[in-house]
N, C-alpha and C. Protein backbone atom coordinates (compact mmCIF):
# COMPACT_ATOMS: atom_id res chain seq x y z
N UNK A 1 29.60 -12.04 -3.19
CA UNK A 1 30.18 -13.27 -3.73
C UNK A 1 29.95 -14.42 -2.75
N UNK A 2 29.37 -15.49 -3.26
CA UNK A 2 29.11 -16.66 -2.43
C UNK A 2 30.36 -17.54 -2.40
N UNK A 3 30.83 -17.83 -1.22
CA UNK A 3 32.04 -18.65 -1.08
C UNK A 3 31.68 -20.12 -1.18
N UNK A 4 32.62 -20.90 -1.71
CA UNK A 4 32.41 -22.34 -1.80
C UNK A 4 32.52 -22.96 -0.42
N UNK A 5 31.88 -24.12 -0.20
CA UNK A 5 32.02 -24.80 1.10
C UNK A 5 33.47 -25.06 1.48
N UNK A 6 34.30 -25.37 0.49
CA UNK A 6 35.71 -25.64 0.79
C UNK A 6 36.42 -24.41 1.33
N UNK A 7 36.20 -23.25 0.68
CA UNK A 7 36.85 -22.02 1.14
C UNK A 7 36.38 -21.66 2.54
N UNK A 8 35.08 -21.76 2.79
CA UNK A 8 34.58 -21.44 4.13
C UNK A 8 35.17 -22.39 5.17
N UNK A 9 35.26 -23.66 4.81
CA UNK A 9 35.85 -24.64 5.74
C UNK A 9 37.32 -24.31 6.02
N UNK A 10 38.05 -23.92 5.00
CA UNK A 10 39.46 -23.56 5.17
C UNK A 10 39.61 -22.31 6.03
N UNK A 11 38.68 -21.36 5.90
CA UNK A 11 38.74 -20.15 6.72
C UNK A 11 38.54 -20.49 8.18
N UNK A 12 37.52 -21.27 8.48
CA UNK A 12 37.27 -21.66 9.88
C UNK A 12 38.47 -22.40 10.44
N UNK A 13 39.01 -23.30 9.67
CA UNK A 13 40.16 -24.10 10.11
C UNK A 13 41.40 -23.21 10.32
N UNK A 14 41.63 -22.29 9.40
CA UNK A 14 42.80 -21.41 9.50
C UNK A 14 42.77 -20.59 10.79
N UNK A 15 41.61 -20.08 11.13
CA UNK A 15 41.50 -19.24 12.33
C UNK A 15 41.63 -20.05 13.62
N UNK A 16 41.15 -21.29 13.61
CA UNK A 16 41.07 -22.05 14.85
C UNK A 16 42.19 -23.07 15.07
N UNK A 17 42.84 -23.51 14.01
CA UNK A 17 43.71 -24.69 14.12
C UNK A 17 44.87 -24.54 15.09
N UNK A 18 45.39 -23.34 15.25
CA UNK A 18 46.55 -23.16 16.13
C UNK A 18 46.17 -22.92 17.58
N UNK A 19 44.88 -22.91 17.87
CA UNK A 19 44.42 -22.57 19.22
C UNK A 19 43.75 -23.72 19.97
N UNK A 20 43.28 -24.73 19.25
CA UNK A 20 42.48 -25.78 19.89
C UNK A 20 43.21 -27.12 19.85
N UNK A 21 42.93 -27.95 20.84
CA UNK A 21 43.42 -29.33 20.81
C UNK A 21 42.75 -30.07 19.65
N UNK A 22 43.34 -31.19 19.24
CA UNK A 22 42.77 -31.94 18.12
C UNK A 22 41.32 -32.32 18.38
N UNK A 23 41.04 -32.79 19.58
CA UNK A 23 39.68 -33.23 19.88
C UNK A 23 38.69 -32.08 19.74
N UNK A 24 39.03 -30.93 20.34
CA UNK A 24 38.14 -29.78 20.25
C UNK A 24 38.07 -29.25 18.82
N UNK A 25 39.21 -29.20 18.14
CA UNK A 25 39.25 -28.66 16.78
C UNK A 25 38.36 -29.45 15.84
N UNK A 26 38.50 -30.78 15.87
CA UNK A 26 37.72 -31.58 14.91
C UNK A 26 36.24 -31.60 15.27
N UNK A 27 35.95 -31.53 16.57
CA UNK A 27 34.54 -31.43 16.95
C UNK A 27 33.92 -30.14 16.41
N UNK A 28 34.67 -29.02 16.56
CA UNK A 28 34.18 -27.74 16.08
C UNK A 28 34.05 -27.75 14.55
N UNK A 29 35.03 -28.32 13.88
CA UNK A 29 34.98 -28.36 12.42
C UNK A 29 33.80 -29.18 11.92
N UNK A 30 33.50 -30.28 12.61
CA UNK A 30 32.34 -31.08 12.19
C UNK A 30 31.04 -30.37 12.51
N UNK A 31 31.02 -29.63 13.62
CA UNK A 31 29.82 -28.84 13.91
C UNK A 31 29.58 -27.83 12.79
N UNK A 32 30.66 -27.18 12.37
CA UNK A 32 30.55 -26.24 11.25
C UNK A 32 30.05 -26.96 10.00
N UNK A 33 30.66 -28.07 9.69
CA UNK A 33 30.35 -28.79 8.45
C UNK A 33 28.90 -29.24 8.41
N UNK A 34 28.41 -29.79 9.50
CA UNK A 34 27.07 -30.37 9.54
C UNK A 34 25.98 -29.31 9.68
N UNK A 35 26.21 -28.32 10.56
CA UNK A 35 25.13 -27.41 10.94
C UNK A 35 25.20 -26.03 10.31
N UNK A 36 26.39 -25.59 9.85
CA UNK A 36 26.52 -24.18 9.47
C UNK A 36 27.13 -23.93 8.09
N UNK A 37 27.76 -24.90 7.49
CA UNK A 37 28.50 -24.63 6.25
C UNK A 37 27.61 -24.14 5.12
N UNK A 38 26.35 -24.54 5.12
CA UNK A 38 25.44 -24.13 4.04
C UNK A 38 24.66 -22.87 4.39
N UNK A 39 24.89 -22.32 5.57
CA UNK A 39 24.13 -21.14 5.99
C UNK A 39 24.84 -19.85 5.62
N UNK A 40 24.10 -18.75 5.77
CA UNK A 40 24.66 -17.42 5.53
C UNK A 40 25.75 -17.10 6.55
N UNK A 41 26.67 -16.20 6.17
CA UNK A 41 27.70 -15.80 7.13
C UNK A 41 27.10 -15.05 8.32
N UNK A 42 25.83 -14.62 8.18
CA UNK A 42 25.16 -13.98 9.31
C UNK A 42 24.95 -14.95 10.47
N UNK A 43 25.09 -16.25 10.20
CA UNK A 43 24.91 -17.25 11.25
C UNK A 43 26.20 -17.50 12.04
N UNK A 44 27.27 -16.77 11.70
CA UNK A 44 28.56 -17.04 12.33
C UNK A 44 28.52 -16.84 13.84
N UNK A 45 27.82 -15.79 14.30
CA UNK A 45 27.71 -15.57 15.74
C UNK A 45 27.06 -16.77 16.42
N UNK A 46 26.06 -17.32 15.79
CA UNK A 46 25.38 -18.48 16.37
C UNK A 46 26.31 -19.69 16.41
N UNK A 47 27.10 -19.87 15.36
CA UNK A 47 28.07 -20.97 15.35
C UNK A 47 29.04 -20.85 16.51
N UNK A 48 29.60 -19.67 16.72
CA UNK A 48 30.54 -19.49 17.82
C UNK A 48 29.85 -19.66 19.18
N UNK A 49 28.61 -19.20 19.29
CA UNK A 49 27.86 -19.42 20.53
C UNK A 49 27.65 -20.90 20.78
N UNK A 50 27.46 -21.64 19.71
CA UNK A 50 27.23 -23.08 19.81
C UNK A 50 28.49 -23.82 20.25
N UNK A 51 29.63 -23.15 20.17
CA UNK A 51 30.92 -23.78 20.51
C UNK A 51 31.53 -23.21 21.79
N UNK A 52 30.80 -22.41 22.53
CA UNK A 52 31.44 -21.74 23.65
C UNK A 52 31.55 -22.62 24.90
N UNK A 53 31.21 -23.90 24.77
CA UNK A 53 31.59 -24.83 25.85
C UNK A 53 33.09 -25.08 25.81
N UNK A 54 33.75 -24.67 24.72
CA UNK A 54 35.22 -24.76 24.62
C UNK A 54 35.79 -23.46 25.16
N UNK A 55 36.61 -23.51 26.22
CA UNK A 55 37.05 -22.29 26.90
C UNK A 55 37.68 -21.24 26.00
N UNK A 56 38.55 -21.65 25.08
CA UNK A 56 39.21 -20.66 24.23
C UNK A 56 38.20 -19.88 23.40
N UNK A 57 37.20 -20.56 22.87
CA UNK A 57 36.19 -19.88 22.05
C UNK A 57 35.32 -18.98 22.92
N UNK A 58 34.98 -19.44 24.11
CA UNK A 58 34.18 -18.62 25.01
C UNK A 58 34.90 -17.31 25.36
N UNK A 59 36.22 -17.39 25.61
CA UNK A 59 36.97 -16.21 26.02
C UNK A 59 37.30 -15.28 24.85
N UNK A 60 37.33 -15.81 23.64
CA UNK A 60 37.80 -15.04 22.49
C UNK A 60 36.76 -14.96 21.38
N UNK A 61 35.50 -15.05 21.75
CA UNK A 61 34.45 -15.11 20.74
C UNK A 61 34.44 -13.89 19.82
N UNK A 62 34.56 -12.69 20.37
CA UNK A 62 34.50 -11.48 19.53
C UNK A 62 35.68 -11.37 18.57
N UNK A 63 36.94 -11.51 19.03
CA UNK A 63 38.04 -11.44 18.06
C UNK A 63 38.01 -12.57 17.03
N UNK A 64 37.56 -13.76 17.43
CA UNK A 64 37.43 -14.85 16.46
C UNK A 64 36.41 -14.50 15.39
N UNK A 65 35.29 -13.94 15.83
CA UNK A 65 34.26 -13.51 14.88
C UNK A 65 34.83 -12.52 13.87
N UNK A 66 35.58 -11.55 14.37
CA UNK A 66 36.14 -10.53 13.48
C UNK A 66 37.12 -11.14 12.48
N UNK A 67 37.96 -12.05 12.95
CA UNK A 67 38.94 -12.68 12.05
C UNK A 67 38.25 -13.47 10.95
N UNK A 68 37.25 -14.25 11.33
CA UNK A 68 36.57 -15.09 10.34
C UNK A 68 35.81 -14.23 9.33
N UNK A 69 35.09 -13.22 9.82
CA UNK A 69 34.34 -12.35 8.92
C UNK A 69 35.27 -11.62 7.95
N UNK A 70 36.41 -11.15 8.47
CA UNK A 70 37.36 -10.45 7.61
C UNK A 70 37.81 -11.36 6.46
N UNK A 71 38.10 -12.61 6.76
CA UNK A 71 38.54 -13.55 5.72
C UNK A 71 37.41 -13.90 4.77
N UNK A 72 36.19 -13.98 5.30
CA UNK A 72 35.06 -14.32 4.42
C UNK A 72 34.70 -13.18 3.47
N UNK A 73 34.95 -11.95 3.91
CA UNK A 73 34.62 -10.80 3.07
C UNK A 73 35.70 -10.54 2.02
N UNK A 74 36.92 -10.96 2.29
CA UNK A 74 38.01 -10.77 1.32
C UNK A 74 38.92 -12.00 1.34
N UNK A 75 38.42 -13.15 0.89
CA UNK A 75 39.21 -14.38 0.99
C UNK A 75 40.40 -14.40 0.05
N UNK A 76 41.52 -14.89 0.55
CA UNK A 76 42.72 -15.08 -0.27
C UNK A 76 43.18 -16.52 -0.06
N UNK A 77 42.82 -17.43 -0.98
CA UNK A 77 43.15 -18.85 -0.78
C UNK A 77 44.63 -19.11 -0.51
N UNK A 78 45.50 -18.25 -1.02
CA UNK A 78 46.93 -18.45 -0.82
C UNK A 78 47.35 -18.29 0.65
N UNK A 79 46.51 -17.60 1.43
CA UNK A 79 46.84 -17.36 2.84
C UNK A 79 46.12 -18.32 3.78
N UNK A 80 45.34 -19.22 3.21
CA UNK A 80 44.56 -20.15 4.03
C UNK A 80 45.27 -21.50 4.16
N UNK A 81 45.01 -22.18 5.26
CA UNK A 81 45.50 -23.54 5.44
C UNK A 81 44.83 -24.46 4.42
N UNK A 82 45.47 -25.60 4.09
CA UNK A 82 44.83 -26.54 3.16
C UNK A 82 43.50 -27.06 3.70
N UNK A 83 42.69 -27.56 2.81
CA UNK A 83 41.38 -28.09 3.19
C UNK A 83 41.55 -29.23 4.20
N UNK A 84 40.91 -29.13 5.39
CA UNK A 84 41.10 -30.16 6.42
C UNK A 84 40.12 -31.32 6.32
N UNK A 85 39.34 -31.38 5.25
CA UNK A 85 38.25 -32.37 5.20
C UNK A 85 38.76 -33.80 5.38
N UNK A 86 39.85 -34.14 4.73
CA UNK A 86 40.36 -35.51 4.85
C UNK A 86 40.76 -35.82 6.29
N UNK A 87 41.43 -34.88 6.95
CA UNK A 87 41.81 -35.07 8.36
C UNK A 87 40.58 -35.16 9.25
N UNK A 88 39.55 -34.39 8.93
CA UNK A 88 38.30 -34.47 9.69
C UNK A 88 37.68 -35.85 9.58
N UNK A 89 37.67 -36.38 8.37
CA UNK A 89 37.08 -37.71 8.15
C UNK A 89 37.88 -38.80 8.85
N UNK A 90 39.20 -38.65 8.83
CA UNK A 90 40.06 -39.61 9.54
C UNK A 90 39.77 -39.59 11.03
N UNK A 91 39.69 -38.39 11.61
CA UNK A 91 39.40 -38.28 13.04
C UNK A 91 38.06 -38.91 13.37
N UNK A 92 37.07 -38.67 12.53
CA UNK A 92 35.74 -39.20 12.82
C UNK A 92 35.73 -40.72 12.77
N UNK A 93 36.44 -41.28 11.81
CA UNK A 93 36.51 -42.76 11.73
C UNK A 93 37.22 -43.33 12.95
N UNK A 94 38.36 -42.75 13.30
CA UNK A 94 39.15 -43.28 14.41
C UNK A 94 38.46 -43.10 15.76
N UNK A 95 37.74 -41.97 15.90
CA UNK A 95 37.08 -41.70 17.17
C UNK A 95 35.72 -42.39 17.27
N UNK A 96 35.23 -42.89 16.13
CA UNK A 96 33.92 -43.52 16.13
C UNK A 96 32.81 -42.54 16.43
N UNK A 97 33.01 -41.29 16.03
CA UNK A 97 32.02 -40.25 16.31
C UNK A 97 30.90 -40.33 15.29
N UNK A 98 29.68 -40.37 15.78
CA UNK A 98 28.52 -40.40 14.88
C UNK A 98 27.68 -39.15 14.99
N UNK A 99 27.88 -38.37 16.05
CA UNK A 99 27.10 -37.14 16.22
C UNK A 99 27.97 -36.09 16.90
N UNK A 100 27.70 -34.86 16.63
CA UNK A 100 28.43 -33.77 17.24
C UNK A 100 27.81 -33.44 18.58
N UNK A 101 28.66 -33.22 19.58
CA UNK A 101 28.19 -32.91 20.92
C UNK A 101 27.35 -31.63 20.90
N UNK A 102 26.26 -31.65 21.63
CA UNK A 102 25.40 -30.47 21.68
C UNK A 102 25.90 -29.50 22.72
N UNK A 103 25.48 -28.24 22.62
CA UNK A 103 25.94 -27.24 23.56
C UNK A 103 25.30 -27.46 24.92
N UNK A 104 26.00 -27.06 25.95
CA UNK A 104 25.53 -27.29 27.30
C UNK A 104 24.41 -26.35 27.69
N UNK A 105 24.21 -25.29 26.92
CA UNK A 105 23.18 -24.32 27.27
C UNK A 105 22.36 -23.97 26.04
N UNK A 106 21.04 -24.16 26.15
CA UNK A 106 20.17 -23.84 25.02
C UNK A 106 20.21 -22.35 24.72
N UNK A 107 20.43 -21.54 25.75
CA UNK A 107 20.45 -20.09 25.55
C UNK A 107 21.60 -19.66 24.66
N UNK A 108 22.70 -20.42 24.68
CA UNK A 108 23.86 -20.03 23.88
C UNK A 108 23.57 -20.08 22.40
N UNK A 109 22.53 -20.82 22.00
CA UNK A 109 22.21 -21.01 20.60
C UNK A 109 21.30 -19.92 20.06
N UNK A 110 20.83 -19.03 20.91
CA UNK A 110 19.86 -18.04 20.48
C UNK A 110 20.54 -16.88 19.77
N UNK A 111 19.91 -16.47 18.67
CA UNK A 111 20.43 -15.33 17.93
C UNK A 111 20.28 -14.07 18.78
N UNK A 112 21.22 -13.15 18.65
CA UNK A 112 21.21 -11.95 19.48
C UNK A 112 20.48 -10.81 18.79
N UNK A 113 20.05 -9.85 19.60
CA UNK A 113 19.42 -8.64 19.07
C UNK A 113 20.41 -7.89 18.17
N UNK A 114 21.68 -7.84 18.58
CA UNK A 114 22.70 -7.15 17.78
C UNK A 114 22.84 -7.77 16.40
N UNK A 115 22.79 -9.09 16.34
CA UNK A 115 22.94 -9.77 15.05
C UNK A 115 21.76 -9.45 14.13
N UNK A 116 20.55 -9.51 14.67
CA UNK A 116 19.37 -9.23 13.84
C UNK A 116 19.36 -7.77 13.38
N UNK A 117 19.71 -6.86 14.27
CA UNK A 117 19.79 -5.45 13.90
C UNK A 117 20.78 -5.24 12.76
N UNK A 118 21.96 -5.85 12.89
CA UNK A 118 23.00 -5.69 11.87
C UNK A 118 22.55 -6.26 10.53
N UNK A 119 21.88 -7.40 10.57
CA UNK A 119 21.41 -8.00 9.31
C UNK A 119 20.38 -7.12 8.62
N UNK A 120 19.45 -6.55 9.38
CA UNK A 120 18.43 -5.69 8.77
C UNK A 120 19.09 -4.44 8.18
N UNK A 121 20.01 -3.84 8.91
CA UNK A 121 20.67 -2.62 8.42
C UNK A 121 21.50 -2.92 7.17
N UNK A 122 22.30 -3.97 7.21
CA UNK A 122 23.13 -4.28 6.05
C UNK A 122 22.29 -4.71 4.86
N UNK A 123 21.13 -5.30 5.13
CA UNK A 123 20.21 -5.66 4.04
C UNK A 123 19.73 -4.44 3.29
N UNK A 124 19.59 -3.31 4.00
CA UNK A 124 19.24 -2.05 3.32
C UNK A 124 20.44 -1.44 2.61
N UNK A 125 21.57 -1.38 3.31
CA UNK A 125 22.73 -0.66 2.77
C UNK A 125 23.33 -1.33 1.54
N UNK A 126 23.22 -2.64 1.45
CA UNK A 126 23.87 -3.32 0.33
C UNK A 126 23.20 -3.04 -1.01
N UNK A 127 21.98 -2.48 -0.97
CA UNK A 127 21.22 -2.25 -2.20
C UNK A 127 21.16 -0.79 -2.61
N UNK A 128 22.05 0.02 -2.04
CA UNK A 128 22.11 1.44 -2.43
C UNK A 128 23.54 1.78 -2.85
N UNK A 129 23.73 2.87 -3.60
CA UNK A 129 25.09 3.27 -3.98
C UNK A 129 25.97 3.50 -2.76
N UNK A 130 27.28 3.31 -2.89
CA UNK A 130 28.18 3.46 -1.73
C UNK A 130 28.09 4.81 -1.06
N UNK A 131 27.91 5.90 -1.85
CA UNK A 131 27.86 7.22 -1.22
C UNK A 131 26.60 7.37 -0.37
N UNK A 132 25.48 6.79 -0.80
CA UNK A 132 24.24 6.85 -0.03
C UNK A 132 24.38 6.04 1.25
N UNK A 133 25.00 4.90 1.14
CA UNK A 133 25.23 4.05 2.31
C UNK A 133 26.11 4.76 3.33
N UNK A 134 27.20 5.37 2.85
CA UNK A 134 28.13 6.07 3.74
C UNK A 134 27.45 7.24 4.44
N UNK A 135 26.65 7.99 3.69
CA UNK A 135 25.99 9.16 4.28
C UNK A 135 24.92 8.75 5.28
N UNK A 136 24.26 7.62 5.04
CA UNK A 136 23.26 7.13 5.99
C UNK A 136 23.92 6.73 7.31
N UNK A 137 25.07 6.08 7.20
CA UNK A 137 25.80 5.68 8.41
C UNK A 137 26.30 6.92 9.15
N UNK A 138 26.79 7.91 8.41
CA UNK A 138 27.26 9.15 9.04
C UNK A 138 26.11 9.88 9.72
N UNK A 139 24.93 9.86 9.10
CA UNK A 139 23.76 10.48 9.72
C UNK A 139 23.45 9.80 11.06
N UNK A 140 23.46 8.47 11.06
CA UNK A 140 23.19 7.73 12.29
C UNK A 140 24.24 8.04 13.35
N UNK A 141 25.51 8.10 12.93
CA UNK A 141 26.59 8.40 13.87
C UNK A 141 26.42 9.79 14.46
N UNK A 142 26.05 10.75 13.63
CA UNK A 142 25.89 12.13 14.10
C UNK A 142 24.76 12.29 15.10
N UNK A 143 23.79 11.37 15.08
CA UNK A 143 22.66 11.46 16.00
C UNK A 143 22.72 10.43 17.12
N UNK A 144 23.79 9.65 17.17
CA UNK A 144 23.84 8.53 18.11
C UNK A 144 23.90 8.98 19.56
N UNK A 145 24.67 10.02 19.85
CA UNK A 145 24.76 10.48 21.24
C UNK A 145 23.47 11.14 21.69
N UNK A 146 22.85 11.92 20.82
CA UNK A 146 21.57 12.56 21.17
C UNK A 146 20.51 11.51 21.48
N UNK A 147 20.59 10.37 20.80
CA UNK A 147 19.63 9.29 21.02
C UNK A 147 20.06 8.35 22.15
N UNK A 148 21.20 8.69 22.78
CA UNK A 148 21.71 7.93 23.93
C UNK A 148 21.98 6.46 23.58
N UNK A 149 22.60 6.26 22.42
CA UNK A 149 23.01 4.91 22.03
C UNK A 149 24.31 4.56 22.74
N UNK A 150 24.55 3.28 22.91
CA UNK A 150 25.69 2.81 23.68
C UNK A 150 27.01 3.08 22.96
N UNK A 151 28.09 3.07 23.73
CA UNK A 151 29.42 3.25 23.16
C UNK A 151 29.73 2.17 22.13
N UNK A 152 29.25 0.94 22.38
CA UNK A 152 29.49 -0.15 21.44
C UNK A 152 28.87 0.13 20.09
N UNK A 153 27.67 0.69 20.07
CA UNK A 153 27.02 1.02 18.79
C UNK A 153 27.75 2.16 18.10
N UNK A 154 28.18 3.16 18.87
CA UNK A 154 28.92 4.28 18.28
C UNK A 154 30.21 3.78 17.64
N UNK A 155 30.91 2.88 18.31
CA UNK A 155 32.12 2.29 17.73
C UNK A 155 31.81 1.55 16.44
N UNK A 156 30.70 0.81 16.43
CA UNK A 156 30.31 0.08 15.25
C UNK A 156 30.07 1.02 14.08
N UNK A 157 29.37 2.12 14.34
CA UNK A 157 29.09 3.10 13.29
C UNK A 157 30.37 3.76 12.79
N UNK A 158 31.32 3.94 13.67
CA UNK A 158 32.59 4.54 13.25
C UNK A 158 33.35 3.64 12.28
N UNK A 159 33.03 2.34 12.30
CA UNK A 159 33.63 1.41 11.34
C UNK A 159 33.00 1.53 9.96
N UNK A 160 31.89 2.28 9.88
CA UNK A 160 31.26 2.51 8.59
C UNK A 160 30.81 1.23 7.93
N UNK A 161 31.19 1.05 6.67
CA UNK A 161 30.78 -0.12 5.89
C UNK A 161 31.34 -1.41 6.45
N UNK A 162 32.32 -1.31 7.34
CA UNK A 162 32.91 -2.51 7.92
C UNK A 162 32.18 -2.91 9.20
N UNK A 163 30.98 -2.35 9.43
CA UNK A 163 30.29 -2.59 10.70
C UNK A 163 30.03 -4.07 10.95
N UNK A 164 29.90 -4.86 9.89
CA UNK A 164 29.65 -6.29 10.08
C UNK A 164 30.81 -6.97 10.80
N UNK A 165 32.02 -6.42 10.68
CA UNK A 165 33.18 -7.04 11.30
C UNK A 165 33.19 -6.89 12.81
N UNK A 166 32.44 -5.91 13.32
CA UNK A 166 32.52 -5.66 14.76
C UNK A 166 31.18 -5.22 15.34
N UNK A 167 30.14 -6.07 15.25
CA UNK A 167 28.88 -5.70 15.87
C UNK A 167 29.04 -5.69 17.39
N UNK A 168 28.33 -4.79 18.09
CA UNK A 168 28.42 -4.80 19.54
C UNK A 168 27.91 -6.12 20.11
N UNK A 169 28.49 -6.56 21.21
CA UNK A 169 28.11 -7.85 21.78
C UNK A 169 26.68 -7.80 22.30
N UNK A 170 26.29 -6.67 22.93
CA UNK A 170 24.96 -6.55 23.50
C UNK A 170 24.29 -5.28 22.99
N UNK A 171 23.05 -5.43 22.55
CA UNK A 171 22.24 -4.30 22.10
C UNK A 171 20.83 -4.54 22.62
N UNK A 172 20.22 -3.50 23.18
CA UNK A 172 18.84 -3.64 23.65
C UNK A 172 17.89 -3.53 22.46
N UNK A 173 16.66 -3.99 22.66
CA UNK A 173 15.64 -3.86 21.62
C UNK A 173 15.42 -2.39 21.29
N UNK A 174 15.42 -1.55 22.31
CA UNK A 174 15.24 -0.11 22.09
C UNK A 174 16.35 0.46 21.21
N UNK A 175 17.60 0.09 21.50
CA UNK A 175 18.73 0.61 20.72
C UNK A 175 18.67 0.11 19.28
N UNK A 176 18.31 -1.16 19.11
CA UNK A 176 18.21 -1.72 17.75
C UNK A 176 17.16 -0.97 16.95
N UNK A 177 16.01 -0.69 17.58
CA UNK A 177 14.92 0.02 16.91
C UNK A 177 15.36 1.43 16.52
N UNK A 178 16.05 2.11 17.43
CA UNK A 178 16.49 3.48 17.16
C UNK A 178 17.50 3.51 16.03
N UNK A 179 18.47 2.59 16.04
CA UNK A 179 19.51 2.63 15.02
C UNK A 179 18.95 2.29 13.64
N UNK A 180 18.07 1.31 13.57
CA UNK A 180 17.43 1.00 12.27
C UNK A 180 16.69 2.23 11.76
N UNK A 181 16.00 2.94 12.65
CA UNK A 181 15.25 4.13 12.24
C UNK A 181 16.19 5.24 11.78
N UNK A 182 17.34 5.40 12.46
CA UNK A 182 18.30 6.43 12.03
C UNK A 182 18.86 6.13 10.64
N UNK A 183 19.19 4.87 10.39
CA UNK A 183 19.67 4.50 9.06
C UNK A 183 18.57 4.74 8.02
N UNK A 184 17.34 4.41 8.39
CA UNK A 184 16.20 4.62 7.50
C UNK A 184 16.06 6.10 7.14
N UNK A 185 16.10 6.97 8.14
CA UNK A 185 15.97 8.41 7.90
C UNK A 185 17.13 8.92 7.03
N UNK A 186 18.34 8.45 7.34
CA UNK A 186 19.49 8.85 6.54
C UNK A 186 19.36 8.43 5.09
N UNK A 187 18.83 7.24 4.84
CA UNK A 187 18.63 6.78 3.47
C UNK A 187 17.51 7.56 2.77
N UNK A 188 16.47 7.95 3.53
CA UNK A 188 15.38 8.72 2.94
C UNK A 188 15.89 10.00 2.31
N UNK A 189 16.88 10.63 2.95
CA UNK A 189 17.41 11.88 2.43
C UNK A 189 18.11 11.70 1.09
N UNK A 190 18.65 10.48 0.87
CA UNK A 190 19.39 10.21 -0.37
C UNK A 190 18.52 9.52 -1.42
N UNK A 191 17.70 8.56 -0.98
CA UNK A 191 16.97 7.70 -1.91
C UNK A 191 15.49 8.04 -2.01
N UNK A 192 15.01 8.85 -1.07
CA UNK A 192 13.58 9.15 -1.04
C UNK A 192 12.82 8.12 -0.21
N UNK A 193 11.66 8.51 0.35
CA UNK A 193 10.93 7.63 1.26
C UNK A 193 10.37 6.37 0.60
N UNK A 194 9.93 6.47 -0.65
CA UNK A 194 9.32 5.30 -1.29
C UNK A 194 10.35 4.19 -1.48
N UNK A 195 11.49 4.55 -2.05
CA UNK A 195 12.53 3.53 -2.26
C UNK A 195 13.06 3.01 -0.93
N UNK A 196 13.20 3.90 0.06
CA UNK A 196 13.71 3.46 1.36
C UNK A 196 12.72 2.53 2.05
N UNK A 197 11.43 2.82 1.92
CA UNK A 197 10.41 1.90 2.45
C UNK A 197 10.57 0.51 1.84
N UNK A 198 10.80 0.47 0.53
CA UNK A 198 10.97 -0.81 -0.16
C UNK A 198 12.24 -1.53 0.32
N UNK A 199 13.31 -0.77 0.50
CA UNK A 199 14.57 -1.36 0.98
C UNK A 199 14.38 -1.97 2.36
N UNK A 200 13.71 -1.25 3.24
CA UNK A 200 13.49 -1.76 4.59
C UNK A 200 12.60 -2.99 4.57
N UNK A 201 11.53 -2.94 3.80
CA UNK A 201 10.61 -4.09 3.72
C UNK A 201 11.32 -5.32 3.19
N UNK A 202 12.12 -5.15 2.14
CA UNK A 202 12.84 -6.28 1.56
C UNK A 202 13.83 -6.87 2.55
N UNK A 203 14.53 -6.00 3.27
CA UNK A 203 15.51 -6.49 4.23
C UNK A 203 14.84 -7.24 5.38
N UNK A 204 13.71 -6.72 5.85
CA UNK A 204 12.98 -7.40 6.93
C UNK A 204 12.48 -8.75 6.45
N UNK A 205 11.90 -8.79 5.25
CA UNK A 205 11.40 -10.07 4.72
C UNK A 205 12.53 -11.08 4.60
N UNK A 206 13.67 -10.63 4.10
CA UNK A 206 14.82 -11.52 3.94
C UNK A 206 15.30 -12.06 5.29
N UNK A 207 15.35 -11.18 6.29
CA UNK A 207 15.81 -11.60 7.61
C UNK A 207 14.83 -12.55 8.26
N UNK A 208 13.54 -12.24 8.15
CA UNK A 208 12.50 -13.13 8.71
C UNK A 208 12.57 -14.50 8.03
N UNK A 209 12.74 -14.50 6.72
CA UNK A 209 12.81 -15.77 5.99
C UNK A 209 14.02 -16.58 6.41
N UNK A 210 15.13 -15.90 6.68
CA UNK A 210 16.34 -16.59 7.09
C UNK A 210 16.14 -17.31 8.42
N UNK A 211 15.27 -16.77 9.25
CA UNK A 211 15.03 -17.35 10.58
C UNK A 211 13.61 -17.91 10.70
N UNK A 212 13.05 -18.37 9.58
CA UNK A 212 11.66 -18.80 9.59
C UNK A 212 11.40 -19.98 10.53
N UNK A 213 12.44 -20.77 10.82
CA UNK A 213 12.26 -21.90 11.73
C UNK A 213 12.72 -21.60 13.15
N UNK A 214 13.04 -20.33 13.42
CA UNK A 214 13.57 -19.93 14.72
C UNK A 214 12.55 -19.01 15.40
N UNK A 215 11.75 -19.55 16.30
CA UNK A 215 10.69 -18.78 16.94
C UNK A 215 11.26 -17.62 17.76
N UNK A 216 12.39 -17.87 18.43
CA UNK A 216 13.00 -16.82 19.25
C UNK A 216 13.41 -15.63 18.38
N UNK A 217 14.06 -15.90 17.25
CA UNK A 217 14.50 -14.82 16.36
C UNK A 217 13.31 -14.05 15.80
N UNK A 218 12.27 -14.76 15.38
CA UNK A 218 11.10 -14.09 14.82
C UNK A 218 10.42 -13.20 15.86
N UNK A 219 10.36 -13.67 17.09
CA UNK A 219 9.77 -12.86 18.17
C UNK A 219 10.62 -11.61 18.43
N UNK A 220 11.94 -11.78 18.40
CA UNK A 220 12.84 -10.66 18.64
C UNK A 220 12.74 -9.63 17.51
N UNK A 221 12.64 -10.09 16.28
CA UNK A 221 12.47 -9.17 15.15
C UNK A 221 11.20 -8.35 15.32
N UNK A 222 10.11 -9.02 15.74
CA UNK A 222 8.84 -8.32 15.95
C UNK A 222 8.97 -7.28 17.04
N UNK A 223 9.68 -7.62 18.11
CA UNK A 223 9.88 -6.65 19.19
C UNK A 223 10.69 -5.44 18.71
N UNK A 224 11.70 -5.69 17.89
CA UNK A 224 12.52 -4.60 17.37
C UNK A 224 11.69 -3.66 16.50
N UNK A 225 10.78 -4.23 15.71
CA UNK A 225 10.02 -3.44 14.75
C UNK A 225 8.79 -2.79 15.35
N UNK A 226 8.33 -3.26 16.50
CA UNK A 226 7.18 -2.65 17.16
C UNK A 226 7.49 -1.24 17.59
N UNK A 227 6.57 -0.36 17.39
CA UNK A 227 6.78 1.05 17.76
C UNK A 227 6.48 1.26 19.24
């Protein structure tokens, strides 16, 4: 289900409004509105990275990510704060702001290996029956220690279908490649190799297209997929 810009804006505001000063809050909200509101929820990690010059966001990036994703996956408008757009516009007029402050570090804006890995995996799992998806994740979990995957990845797999809510903060290219392959093998047992090949190809194409203007992400995807 695609969320409306208003609902997404209310979710971001609901999670952040009680933690940030007005100046930081409205700056972050405008950054969301201008740069991220029309993007996929897969860009949420990048949005938070883009705001980590704000100490609270830097220190609490992972729990904030989980809270926002949880609300985006099961939004309940009755539990959200009212739309802050009018207050945002008032702040911008009074402050005379014409542009959103850029992040202090270009590296903070780069998509992570963990994010790309998660997008490719979920791109496959979302197009198969729930039982096939669950069994593929269980297969990967059962082989994770033998493949020497990190504790963070094992925890993610234990979350099953909720893995998007808690991707590990750091994943190596090697670990991303191994986990994608484990999910692939697990799906082959349920869906067969031909259909699984198509699922993987479609997910990769979708992910590459999502980052078609991001040279760093495209290079990282290629490294993950290289044997």
